[in-house]
Amino acid sequence: MNVRRLAHGDRPWLRRMLRDGWGGESMAGHGERFFPAEHDGFVADDRAGVVTFRIVDVACEITMIESKDPGRGVGSALVEAVVVEARAAGCSRVWLVTTNDNARAQGWYLARGFVVTDVRPGAVDEVRRTLKPSIPERGAGGVRISDEIEMSLDQ
């Protein structure tokens, strides 16, 4: 699996992907609206997957990840690239936010050593009300999206 840094030329593609697959170029979590296409990142193979992240102090937040071909190891390779980058930057943890409806992602992260570090009941409802009204009411399997699940991998 070839993983390389997200390049300037990848950003228009990433913005299109975010608009088409995620409902817009912005995301919101932990009470903040942000734009993953502006963050550092890695791309796998011929754009088979992408991850974006940002390092603040001694923590590295994964701000989005997507694999076009699940089960091939694309996501694992991308997360590993972020972990290596975070270690080199002196980060003590890598973390992310997912939502209560996304049990598949939660299981995937747990299998890679992440642990649940916080559950914020109603946080998605608040973000939908204040920052990003386009967040759907229902997600995977028709489950109501209401809570943020923070997961962390200690370094």
Protein backbone atom coordinates (compact mmCIF):
# COMPACT_ATOMS: atom_id res chain seq x y z
CA MET A 1 0.00 0.00 0.00
CA ASN A 2 1.45 3.33 -1.07
CA VAL A 3 0.67 6.18 1.33
CA ARG A 4 1.80 9.71 0.55
CA ARG A 5 1.22 13.16 1.96
CA LEU A 6 -1.89 15.02 0.87
CA ALA A 7 -0.64 17.44 -1.79
CA HIS A 8 -1.93 20.84 -2.86
CA GLY A 9 -3.24 19.24 -6.07
CA ASP A 10 -5.35 16.79 -4.03
CA ARG A 11 -7.32 19.49 -2.26
CA PRO A 12 -9.90 20.19 -5.04
CA TRP A 13 -10.57 16.42 -5.22
CA LEU A 14 -10.91 16.24 -1.44
CA ARG A 15 -13.31 19.19 -1.39
CA ARG A 16 -15.48 17.50 -4.06
CA MET A 17 -15.41 14.25 -2.11
CA LEU A 18 -16.49 16.04 1.05
CA ARG A 19 -19.35 17.80 -0.76
CA ASP A 20 -20.51 14.60 -2.49
CA GLY A 21 -20.10 12.12 0.37
CA TRP A 22 -20.21 14.13 3.58
CA GLY A 23 -22.78 16.81 2.75
CA GLY A 24 -20.38 19.73 2.53
CA GLU A 25 -16.81 20.84 2.97
CA SER A 26 -17.18 21.56 6.66
CA MET A 27 -17.49 19.18 9.54
CA ALA A 28 -18.39 19.86 13.12
CA GLY A 29 -17.45 18.18 16.34
CA HIS A 30 -16.67 18.97 19.94
CA GLY A 31 -18.45 22.31 19.53
CA GLU A 32 -16.34 23.46 16.60
CA ARG A 33 -16.83 23.76 12.86
CA PHE A 34 -13.74 22.91 10.77
CA PHE A 35 -12.67 22.22 7.20
CA PRO A 36 -10.73 18.96 6.75
CA ALA A 37 -9.51 19.88 3.25
CA GLU A 38 -7.44 22.62 4.91
CA HIS A 39 -5.72 20.16 7.26
CA ASP A 40 -2.63 18.03 6.80
CA GLY A 41 -3.29 14.54 5.55
CA PHE A 42 -2.31 11.39 3.72
CA VAL A 43 -3.65 9.72 0.58
CA ALA A 44 -3.49 5.98 -0.10
CA ASP A 45 -2.71 4.50 -3.50
CA ASP A 46 -4.43 6.29 -6.39
CA ARG A 47 -6.81 8.18 -4.09
CA ALA A 48 -8.27 4.94 -2.74
CA GLY A 49 -8.50 6.63 0.64
CA VAL A 50 -7.67 9.79 2.52
CA VAL A 51 -7.19 10.90 6.11
CA THR A 52 -6.84 14.42 7.45
CA PHE A 53 -5.53 15.48 10.83
CA ARG A 54 -4.35 18.39 12.89
CA ILE A 55 -1.84 18.57 15.68
CA VAL A 56 -2.56 20.88 18.60
CA ASP A 57 -0.10 20.88 21.48
CA VAL A 58 0.62 17.20 22.27
CA ALA A 59 -2.52 15.74 20.68
CA CYS A 60 -3.27 14.77 17.09
CA GLU A 61 -6.90 14.81 15.99
CA ILE A 62 -8.00 12.75 13.00
CA THR A 63 -10.54 15.09 11.40
CA MET A 64 -11.78 12.75 8.66
CA ILE A 65 -10.98 9.42 7.09
CA GLU A 66 -12.47 7.65 4.10
CA SER A 67 -11.64 4.49 2.22
CA LYS A 68 -13.26 3.77 -1.13
CA ASP A 69 -12.54 0.05 -0.82
CA PRO A 70 -13.11 -1.17 2.76
CA GLY A 71 -11.39 -4.38 3.79
CA ARG A 72 -8.20 -3.82 1.78
CA GLY A 73 -6.22 -2.20 4.60
CA VAL A 74 -6.47 1.33 3.22
CA GLY A 75 -7.87 2.81 6.44
CA SER A 76 -5.36 0.95 8.59
CA ALA A 77 -2.45 2.22 6.49
CA LEU A 78 -3.76 5.78 6.70
CA VAL A 79 -4.23 5.67 10.48
CA GLU A 80 -0.73 4.19 10.87
CA ALA A 81 0.71 7.08 8.82
CA VAL A 82 -1.01 9.56 11.16
CA VAL A 83 0.27 7.70 14.23
CA VAL A 84 3.85 7.82 12.90
CA GLU A 85 3.47 11.54 12.15
CA ALA A 86 2.01 12.20 15.61
CA ARG A 87 4.85 10.35 17.34
CA ALA A 88 7.44 12.32 15.35
CA ALA A 89 5.71 15.55 16.44
CA GLY A 90 5.84 14.48 20.11
CA CYS A 91 2.11 13.86 20.49
CA SER A 92 0.98 11.81 23.47
CA ARG A 93 -2.29 10.74 21.84
CA VAL A 94 -4.21 10.46 18.59
CA TRP A 95 -7.92 11.07 18.90
CA LEU A 96 -11.11 11.48 16.89
CA VAL A 97 -14.83 11.98 17.20
CA THR A 98 -17.46 9.71 15.73
CA THR A 99 -21.18 9.52 16.37
CA ASN A 100 -23.45 7.15 18.26
CA ASP A 101 -24.98 5.74 15.06
CA ASN A 102 -21.63 4.66 13.61
CA ALA A 103 -21.12 1.35 15.41
CA ARG A 104 -19.10 0.01 12.49
CA ALA A 105 -16.50 2.79 12.81
CA GLN A 106 -16.42 2.42 16.58
CA GLY A 107 -15.67 -1.29 16.26
CA TRP A 108 -13.05 -0.64 13.61
CA TYR A 109 -11.21 1.85 15.84
CA LEU A 110 -11.50 -0.40 18.90
CA ALA A 111 -9.90 -3.24 16.90
CA ARG A 112 -6.93 -0.91 16.23
CA GLY A 113 -6.34 -0.07 19.89
CA PHE A 114 -8.45 3.05 20.29
CA VAL A 115 -10.56 3.35 23.42
CA VAL A 116 -13.65 5.42 24.18
CA THR A 117 -12.49 8.41 26.21
CA ASP A 118 -15.67 10.48 26.27
CA VAL A 119 -19.33 10.27 25.37
CA ARG A 120 -21.11 13.59 24.91
CA PRO A 121 -24.88 12.99 24.97
CA GLY A 122 -26.79 15.47 22.79
CA ALA A 123 -23.61 17.03 21.37
CA VAL A 124 -24.60 16.35 17.75
CA ASP A 125 -28.03 17.84 18.40
CA GLU A 126 -26.35 21.01 19.65
CA VAL A 127 -23.92 21.15 16.71
CA ARG A 128 -26.81 20.61 14.28
CA ARG A 129 -28.71 23.46 15.94
CA THR A 130 -25.81 25.95 16.15
CA LEU A 131 -23.08 25.12 13.61
CA LYS A 132 -24.15 22.69 10.92
CA PRO A 133 -27.88 22.26 10.29
CA SER A 134 -27.15 19.91 7.36
CA ILE A 135 -26.19 17.05 9.70
CA PRO A 136 -28.89 14.44 9.10
CA GLU A 137 -31.22 13.43 11.92
CA ARG A 138 -30.67 9.73 11.19
CA GLY A 139 -27.56 7.82 10.25
CA ALA A 140 -26.47 4.22 9.79
CA GLY A 141 -29.36 1.80 10.05
CA GLY A 142 -31.85 4.62 10.67
CA VAL A 143 -30.40 5.30 14.12
CA ARG A 144 -30.98 8.83 15.40
CA ILE A 145 -27.68 10.75 15.45
CA SER A 146 -27.44 12.61 18.74
CA ASP A 147 -24.21 11.86 20.61
CA GLU A 148 -20.49 12.31 20.01
CA ILE A 149 -18.16 9.44 20.88
CA GLU A 150 -14.55 10.50 21.43
CA MET A 151 -11.95 7.78 20.91
CA SER A 152 -8.26 7.97 21.66
CA LEU A 153 -5.08 6.02 21.05
CA ASP A 154 -2.39 6.75 23.61
CA GLN A 155 1.13 6.92 22.24
